[in-house]
Structures are given as C-alpha cells and as structure tokens.
Protein backbone atom coordinates (compact mmCIF):
# COMPACT_ATOMS: atom_id res chain seq x y z
CA UNK A 1 -33.01 -1.42 13.21
CA UNK A 2 -30.94 1.59 14.31
CA UNK A 3 -27.50 0.73 15.64
CA UNK A 4 -26.81 2.58 18.87
CA UNK A 5 -23.83 1.84 21.06
CA UNK A 6 -21.89 4.15 23.30
CA UNK A 7 -18.34 4.57 22.07
CA UNK A 8 -15.24 5.76 23.80
CA UNK A 9 -13.70 8.02 21.13
CA UNK A 10 -10.32 7.57 22.80
CA UNK A 11 -10.37 3.78 22.55
CA UNK A 12 -9.11 3.56 18.98
CA UNK A 13 -9.07 5.48 15.68
CA UNK A 14 -12.03 3.36 14.55
CA UNK A 15 -14.06 4.30 17.64
CA UNK A 16 -13.18 7.96 17.17
CA UNK A 17 -14.27 7.84 13.54
CA UNK A 18 -17.58 6.20 14.50
CA UNK A 19 -18.29 8.79 17.18
CA UNK A 20 -17.48 11.64 14.79
CA UNK A 21 -19.68 10.21 12.03
CA UNK A 22 -22.60 9.95 14.43
CA UNK A 23 -22.04 13.47 15.75
CA UNK A 24 -21.83 14.96 12.26
CA UNK A 25 -24.86 12.99 11.02
CA UNK A 26 -26.99 14.06 13.96
CA UNK A 27 -25.86 17.68 13.56
CA UNK A 28 -27.13 17.48 9.97
CA UNK A 29 -30.51 16.27 11.21
CA UNK A 30 -30.30 12.89 9.44
CA UNK A 31 -30.93 9.38 10.68
CA UNK A 32 -28.79 6.45 9.56
CA UNK A 33 -31.17 5.36 6.82
CA UNK A 34 -31.45 8.89 5.41
CA UNK A 35 -27.69 9.33 5.28
CA UNK A 36 -27.33 5.91 3.69
CA UNK A 37 -29.78 6.78 0.92
CA UNK A 38 -27.88 9.97 0.16
CA UNK A 39 -24.49 8.26 -0.13
CA UNK A 40 -25.81 5.09 -1.84
CA UNK A 41 -25.40 2.57 0.96
CA UNK A 42 -27.66 1.01 3.58
CA UNK A 43 -28.53 2.57 6.89
CA UNK A 44 -27.25 -0.62 8.45
CA UNK A 45 -23.76 0.04 7.03
CA UNK A 46 -23.83 3.57 8.45
CA UNK A 47 -24.80 2.09 11.80
CA UNK A 48 -22.05 -0.52 11.71
CA UNK A 49 -19.46 2.15 11.03
CA UNK A 50 -20.85 4.43 13.73
CA UNK A 51 -20.58 1.59 16.25
CA UNK A 52 -17.04 0.62 15.16
CA UNK A 53 -18.17 -2.77 13.91
CA UNK A 54 -17.03 -2.06 10.35
CA UNK A 55 -14.08 -0.16 8.95
CA UNK A 56 -15.00 2.76 6.66
CA UNK A 57 -13.47 2.85 3.21
CA UNK A 58 -12.04 6.04 1.75
CA UNK A 59 -14.86 6.08 -0.80
CA UNK A 60 -17.46 5.95 2.00
CA UNK A 61 -15.65 8.76 3.82
CA UNK A 62 -15.51 11.00 0.77
CA UNK A 63 -19.21 10.50 0.02
CA UNK A 64 -20.15 11.11 3.65
CA UNK A 65 -18.07 14.30 3.72
CA UNK A 66 -19.89 15.55 0.61
CA UNK A 67 -23.30 14.70 2.05
CA UNK A 68 -22.62 16.21 5.47
CA UNK A 69 -20.63 19.24 4.30
CA UNK A 70 -17.73 18.41 6.60
CA UNK A 71 -14.95 19.84 4.40
CA UNK A 72 -13.04 16.56 4.31
CA UNK A 73 -13.06 15.83 8.03
CA UNK A 74 -13.95 12.15 7.65
CA UNK A 75 -11.61 11.65 4.70
CA UNK A 76 -8.74 12.96 6.80
CA UNK A 77 -9.63 10.51 9.55
CA UNK A 78 -9.93 7.62 7.09
CA UNK A 79 -6.17 7.37 6.60
CA UNK A 80 -5.63 7.09 10.36
CA UNK A 81 -8.35 4.45 10.67
CA UNK A 82 -7.06 2.36 7.78
CA UNK A 83 -3.51 2.54 9.07
CA UNK A 84 -4.73 1.19 12.41
CA UNK A 85 -5.85 -1.97 10.58
CA UNK A 86 -2.26 -2.81 9.66
CA UNK A 87 -0.45 -5.35 11.84
CA UNK A 88 0.66 -3.68 15.05
CA UNK A 89 4.32 -4.36 14.32
CA UNK A 90 4.01 -2.65 10.90
CA UNK A 91 2.18 0.52 11.94
CA UNK A 92 5.29 2.38 13.11
CA UNK A 93 6.99 1.73 9.77
CA UNK A 94 3.91 2.89 7.83
CA UNK A 95 3.97 6.17 9.76
CA UNK A 96 7.66 6.68 8.96
CA UNK A 97 7.09 5.73 5.30
CA UNK A 98 4.41 8.42 5.03
CA UNK A 99 6.92 11.04 6.25
CA UNK A 100 9.88 9.96 4.12
CA UNK A 101 11.43 12.22 1.51
CA UNK A 102 13.25 9.32 -0.18
CA UNK A 103 12.43 5.61 -0.32
CA UNK A 104 14.79 2.98 -1.69
CA UNK A 105 13.72 -0.65 -1.77
CA UNK A 106 14.98 -3.98 -3.00
CA UNK A 107 12.27 -6.66 -3.33
CA UNK A 108 13.39 -10.23 -3.86
CA UNK A 109 10.08 -12.08 -4.15
CA UNK A 110 7.23 -9.79 -5.14
CA UNK A 111 6.24 -6.34 -6.37
CA UNK A 112 6.79 -3.58 -3.80
CA UNK A 113 3.71 -2.86 -1.70
CA UNK A 114 3.39 0.76 -2.82
CA UNK A 115 3.17 -0.41 -6.44
CA UNK A 116 0.75 -3.31 -6.01
CA UNK A 117 -2.68 -3.36 -7.64
CA UNK A 118 -5.69 -4.20 -5.50
CA UNK A 119 -6.01 -7.72 -6.94
CA UNK A 120 -2.29 -8.45 -6.55
CA UNK A 121 -2.24 -7.07 -3.00
CA UNK A 122 -5.25 -9.20 -2.12
CA UNK A 123 -3.55 -12.35 -3.39
CA UNK A 124 -0.36 -11.53 -1.46
CA UNK A 125 -2.11 -10.68 1.80
CA UNK A 126 -4.41 -13.70 1.60
CA UNK A 127 -1.38 -15.98 2.04
CA UNK A 128 -1.27 -14.94 5.71
CA UNK A 129 -4.83 -16.24 6.21
CA UNK A 130 -6.02 -13.02 7.89
CA UNK A 131 -9.52 -12.58 9.26
CA UNK A 132 -9.64 -8.95 8.07
CA UNK A 133 -8.42 -9.32 4.49
CA UNK A 134 -10.61 -6.55 3.03
CA UNK A 135 -9.37 -4.07 5.62
CA UNK A 136 -5.73 -5.04 5.04
CA UNK A 137 -6.09 -4.54 1.30
CA UNK A 138 -7.70 -1.13 1.82
CA UNK A 139 -4.90 -0.21 4.22
CA UNK A 140 -2.23 -1.19 1.69
CA UNK A 141 -3.85 0.91 -1.03
CA UNK A 142 -4.15 3.78 1.43
CA UNK A 143 -0.37 3.68 1.91
CA UNK A 144 0.05 4.20 -1.84
CA UNK A 145 -1.52 7.65 -1.66
CA UNK A 146 1.88 9.10 -0.76
CA UNK A 147 2.96 8.57 -4.38
CA UNK A 148 0.14 10.82 -5.59
CA UNK A 149 0.87 13.67 -3.22
CA UNK A 150 1.79 17.09 -4.55
CA UNK A 151 5.26 16.52 -3.11
CA UNK A 152 5.77 12.73 -3.19
CA UNK A 153 8.88 10.99 -1.91
CA UNK A 154 11.58 10.17 -4.42
CA UNK A 155 11.17 6.39 -4.73
CA UNK A 156 13.70 3.99 -6.23
CA UNK A 157 12.64 0.37 -6.64
CA UNK A 158 14.87 -2.57 -7.53
CA UNK A 159 12.82 -5.72 -8.21
CA UNK A 160 14.29 -9.16 -8.66
CA UNK A 161 13.29 -10.62 -12.03
CA UNK A 162 11.57 -13.40 -10.07
CA UNK A 163 8.83 -10.92 -9.15
CA UNK A 164 7.84 -10.72 -12.82
CA UNK A 165 7.41 -14.47 -13.24
CA UNK A 166 5.90 -15.63 -9.96
CA UNK A 167 2.19 -15.85 -10.97
CA UNK A 168 0.65 -14.30 -7.87
CA UNK A 169 -3.12 -14.20 -8.23
CA UNK A 170 -3.09 -15.79 -11.67
CA UNK A 171 -2.52 -14.66 -15.22
CA UNK A 172 -4.95 -11.74 -15.44
CA UNK A 173 -3.83 -10.35 -12.10
CA UNK A 174 -0.19 -10.49 -13.17
CA UNK A 175 -0.84 -8.83 -16.51
CA UNK A 176 -2.66 -6.00 -14.74
CA UNK A 177 0.14 -5.74 -12.20
CA UNK A 178 2.91 -5.50 -14.77
CA UNK A 179 0.92 -2.95 -16.77
CA UNK A 180 0.58 -0.97 -13.55
CA UNK A 181 4.35 -1.02 -13.09
CA UNK A 182 4.77 0.32 -16.62
CA UNK A 183 2.30 3.13 -15.92
CA UNK A 184 4.93 4.66 -13.63
CA UNK A 185 7.55 4.66 -16.36
CA UNK A 186 7.37 8.44 -16.82
CA UNK A 187 6.59 9.34 -13.22
CA UNK A 188 9.05 12.06 -12.29
CA UNK A 189 9.72 10.83 -8.76
CA UNK A 190 9.68 7.05 -9.20
CA UNK A 191 12.13 4.76 -10.93
CA UNK A 192 12.07 0.96 -11.26
CA UNK A 193 14.96 -1.30 -12.15
CA UNK A 194 14.89 -5.07 -12.62
CA UNK A 195 17.72 -7.18 -11.23
CA UNK A 196 17.97 -9.92 -13.90
CA UNK A 197 18.59 -13.59 -13.26
CA UNK A 198 21.76 -13.15 -15.28
CA UNK A 199 23.25 -11.06 -12.46
CA UNK A 200 23.84 -14.32 -10.61
CA UNK A 201 24.95 -13.90 -7.01
CA UNK A 202 24.35 -10.35 -5.83
CA UNK A 203 24.62 -8.03 -2.85
CA UNK A 204 21.32 -8.92 -1.21
CA UNK A 205 20.85 -12.65 -1.58
CA UNK A 206 19.86 -12.53 2.08
CA UNK A 207 16.59 -10.81 1.15
CA UNK A 208 14.56 -7.62 0.77
CA UNK A 209 15.11 -4.34 2.59
CA UNK A 210 13.97 -0.70 2.52
CA UNK A 211 15.81 2.50 3.32
CA UNK A 212 13.95 5.68 4.27
CA UNK A 213 15.47 9.16 4.29
CA UNK A 214 13.91 12.25 5.80
CA UNK A 215 14.24 16.00 5.46
CA UNK A 216 14.99 16.05 9.17
CA UNK A 217 15.89 13.06 11.29
CA UNK A 218 18.13 10.03 10.77
CA UNK A 219 17.80 7.54 7.94
CA UNK A 220 16.14 4.20 8.69
CA UNK A 221 16.67 0.68 7.35
CA UNK A 222 13.69 -1.66 7.50
CA UNK A 223 13.69 -5.44 7.15
CA UNK A 224 11.13 -8.17 7.80
CA UNK A 225 11.23 -11.74 9.01
CA UNK A 226 8.42 -14.28 9.02
CA UNK A 227 6.28 -12.60 11.68
CA UNK A 228 7.52 -9.06 12.26
CA UNK A 229 9.44 -6.06 10.95
CA UNK A 230 12.54 -4.30 12.24
CA UNK A 231 13.64 -0.67 11.90
CA UNK A 232 17.06 0.65 12.80
CA UNK A 233 18.94 3.94 12.53
CA UNK A 234 22.26 2.31 13.43
CA UNK A 235 24.97 4.10 11.44
CA UNK A 236 26.90 0.93 10.57
CA UNK A 237 23.75 -0.80 9.36
CA UNK A 238 22.84 2.23 7.25
CA UNK A 239 26.32 2.31 5.73
CA UNK A 240 26.14 -1.40 4.89
CA UNK A 241 22.65 -1.05 3.41
CA UNK A 242 23.75 1.90 1.26
CA UNK A 243 26.73 -0.04 -0.06
CA UNK A 244 24.64 -3.09 -0.89
CA UNK A 245 21.95 -0.98 -2.57
CA UNK A 246 24.55 0.76 -4.73
CA UNK A 247 25.77 -2.66 -5.89
CA UNK A 248 22.20 -3.79 -6.61
CA UNK A 249 21.54 -0.69 -8.72
CA UNK A 250 24.78 -1.24 -10.63
CA UNK A 251 23.92 -4.89 -11.32
CA UNK A 252 20.33 -4.14 -12.33
CA UNK A 253 19.16 -3.30 -15.83
CA UNK A 254 18.77 0.35 -16.75
CA UNK A 255 15.37 1.91 -16.20
CA UNK A 256 14.68 1.71 -19.95
CA UNK A 257 15.83 -1.90 -20.30
CA UNK A 258 13.87 -2.80 -17.19
CA UNK A 259 10.69 -1.43 -18.76
CA UNK A 260 11.39 -3.48 -21.88
CA UNK A 261 11.79 -6.64 -19.78
CA UNK A 262 8.56 -5.94 -17.89
CA UNK A 263 6.76 -5.45 -21.22
CA UNK A 264 8.19 -8.67 -22.60
CA UNK A 265 7.18 -10.65 -19.53
CA UNK A 266 3.69 -9.16 -19.60
CA UNK A 267 3.13 -9.97 -23.27
CA UNK A 268 4.86 -13.33 -23.51
CA UNK A 269 3.99 -14.78 -20.12
CA UNK A 270 0.61 -13.19 -19.36
CA UNK A 271 -0.65 -11.95 -22.75
CA UNK A 272 -4.21 -12.81 -23.88
CA UNK A 273 -4.65 -16.15 -25.60
CA UNK A 274 -2.13 -18.86 -26.31
CA UNK A 275 0.52 -18.55 -28.98
CA UNK A 276 0.22 -21.00 -31.84
CA UNK A 277 2.72 -23.86 -31.80
CA UNK A 278 4.17 -24.88 -35.16
C-alpha cells in the first residue's frame, strides 16, 4: 500500500525531509516501491519516511541521494533531522558543539558521548527508558561526525578511571569501547587523559562539565543535572571552570600513560577468555 499523507514542511525537520524525499522521488519518475528496490529497502520504509512516521538514517539518506542524483541534498538534511531527535533541552548545546573550535570535557562516570561506540551509546541511552532509543543512538553518532571533519575541533578529554571499569553494556561492549578510545591515540586534534583513582580528592568531585570555545563568540560552560542541561557564558563561571580543568589535567596521567592504562584495563578486565588461576 502506498503511503500518502499531506505534510507541512514547516512543521519539523522530519516533515521537511519527508516532503523533500517525496518531491525528489516523484521528479525522478519513481514510485515508493521502485525507489526502495534501488536502495535495498522496502517501499513501505520509503513511505514511512515520506510521511514522517520514521526517522531516516544517514545510510538511507546517502543511498537515496545516489539513486535520485540529488548531490547530497538528503544527506545534508539528515544531520538536521537526527539532531531534532535529541531531547529538546539538549538540542541547543548540540548546535553549539557542532560550531566549537575547541572542546574540553571532564567525564566522571562514563566515556564522553563523542567517543562512544554504537553499542556503548545504546547501553547508556537505554538507562533513560526512552521510546525512541534507535533514533537517539543515531543522533549521538551523528554528533560524532564533527571529529571527522576536515577542520575538526581541538578536543581534550579527561576521563575518570571509573569510566574504564564500569561495565556498561557488558564485557564485549566495553572491550570494543576501550579499543575505540585507543584508536584516537594518534589523532592530531584529540587527546585523552585518565584521572586515576590514586589522585584522590580532585577539582571536580562535584561532577562532569564541558567547555566550548569558538573562533568568534564567548566561551560556554555546559553542565547537566538529572533531567536537563545548562549552558552559561558567565565570565566568573568560565574562569572557575578553566581553573578546575587545569587542575584536573595536572592531576591526570599523561596522554601516553593514559593509553597504557586503557590498554591494561581492556586486556585484564575485558580480554577474551578467563585467565588461569594457579
């Protein structure tokens, strides 16, 4: 059955995407089933996306662009659509994050969102019992594309050692996640340090925070509580955050020693098989 429903393209990014997909498909002289067969999906899926009942993935968008000869039009829209699936209170931060020239983050409980694998992100996001888990995972991975840009932001990550040992998602997921962290070891614009348990009390026992800097515009500090996030450009807050972050970096292991600790945790805690006990 062909899905037909009038959309208001101005209602949401998802509605706009659906209207554009239909317009481009019809301009190419294809019905939903024909387009689906070309891009290896069902006509029903095409119809659901055209009627804003399903969120398109980036893979779907790229295949549809290739089939319809749209020069990346749908792929460019995909980022906007996926970002709209983020919690409303987080969307403004995600937009600022995508524009930042420098990102500094301290994470007390888990791996930073921009460095999470799909499986790890899914396990983290599932704890909130969302009804749109797949879309939230896709949106988180979409955010990570800024690290692969031609001109990515300089990103400095300080992770508490606890993030290495909290078995989010299980053993295989954690091993994959720690290996993923190590894959950035020689990335020119990204550095990761581990704040070891041995540091004891430290400058951010109160919790995680991010600082964003821009080529133009004021710096921003971002924090989260249980149900929302908070951004501020207050100069005193920025000064305090910078001071605390400097202390965290000083207390953390070097980048090289941090990589060694990640490797050790991956192999000893999450390595394949059980070690023999004498």
